[in-house]
Amino acid sequence: MKQESEVTGHSTRAGAATAPESSEDDLRRYGISTEERVSYLWNGYRYSNAGDAIAAAKRAAR
């Protein structure tokens, strides 16, 4: 089985989930790639935007 980085051209992190081998073939065939995204965690909530996380923390500090 090929590693995700070989299929997508992206590096992988330790423990990152990979697609089953049959899905890897489909991903390659259709030119589908993966991307990693940064998340911001605060007080049990996950934000995709740093500004939203900061605004929530500021509101809570009032």
Protein backbone atom coordinates (compact mmCIF):
# COMPACT_ATOMS: atom_id res chain seq x y z
CA MET A 1 0.00 0.00 0.00
CA LYS A 2 1.36 3.41 -0.93
CA GLN A 3 1.65 6.17 1.62
CA GLU A 4 -0.65 9.18 1.33
CA SER A 5 2.28 11.40 0.33
CA GLU A 6 2.91 9.20 -2.71
CA VAL A 7 -0.73 9.43 -3.74
CA THR A 8 -1.30 13.13 -3.18
CA GLY A 9 2.15 14.66 -3.35
CA HIS A 10 1.67 16.05 0.17
CA SER A 11 3.57 15.17 3.30
CA THR A 12 1.82 13.23 6.01
CA ARG A 13 1.96 13.58 9.78
CA ALA A 14 2.46 10.63 12.08
CA GLY A 15 -0.88 9.03 12.81
CA ALA A 16 -2.66 10.80 9.97
CA ALA A 17 -5.50 8.76 8.51
CA THR A 18 -5.05 7.47 4.98
CA ALA A 19 -7.65 6.35 2.49
CA PRO A 20 -8.15 2.63 1.80
CA GLU A 21 -6.09 1.42 -1.16
CA SER A 22 -9.10 1.26 -3.51
CA SER A 23 -9.95 4.87 -2.60
CA GLU A 24 -6.34 5.91 -3.21
CA ASP A 25 -6.66 4.67 -6.80
CA ASP A 26 -9.83 6.71 -7.28
CA LEU A 27 -8.23 9.79 -5.72
CA ARG A 28 -5.30 9.55 -8.12
CA ARG A 29 -7.52 8.75 -11.13
CA TYR A 30 -9.75 11.79 -10.59
CA GLY A 31 -6.98 14.18 -9.54
CA ILE A 32 -8.30 14.61 -6.01
CA SER A 33 -5.77 15.82 -3.48
CA THR A 34 -5.80 16.39 0.27
CA GLU A 35 -4.87 19.48 2.21
CA GLU A 36 -4.14 20.04 5.84
CA ARG A 37 -5.88 22.86 7.62
CA VAL A 38 -5.02 24.71 10.76
CA SER A 39 -7.59 24.73 13.55
CA TYR A 40 -7.65 26.96 16.58
CA LEU A 41 -8.85 25.33 19.79
CA TRP A 42 -10.17 27.35 22.70
CA ASN A 43 -12.28 26.25 25.65
CA GLY A 44 -13.43 23.06 23.97
CA TYR A 45 -14.39 24.77 20.69
CA ARG A 46 -12.64 24.42 17.34
CA TYR A 47 -12.30 27.42 15.01
CA SER A 48 -11.01 27.51 11.45
CA ASN A 49 -10.37 31.24 11.68
CA ALA A 50 -7.97 32.76 14.25
CA GLY A 51 -10.04 35.95 14.46
CA ASP A 52 -13.14 34.01 15.48
CA ALA A 53 -11.22 32.18 18.22
CA ILE A 54 -9.79 35.44 19.53
CA ALA A 55 -13.20 37.15 19.46
CA ALA A 56 -14.76 34.29 21.43
CA ALA A 57 -12.00 34.40 24.03
CA LYS A 58 -12.35 38.20 24.36
CA ARG A 59 -16.12 37.92 24.81
CA ALA A 60 -15.61 35.32 27.54
CA ALA A 61 -13.07 37.54 29.32
CA ARG A 62 -15.64 40.33 29.86
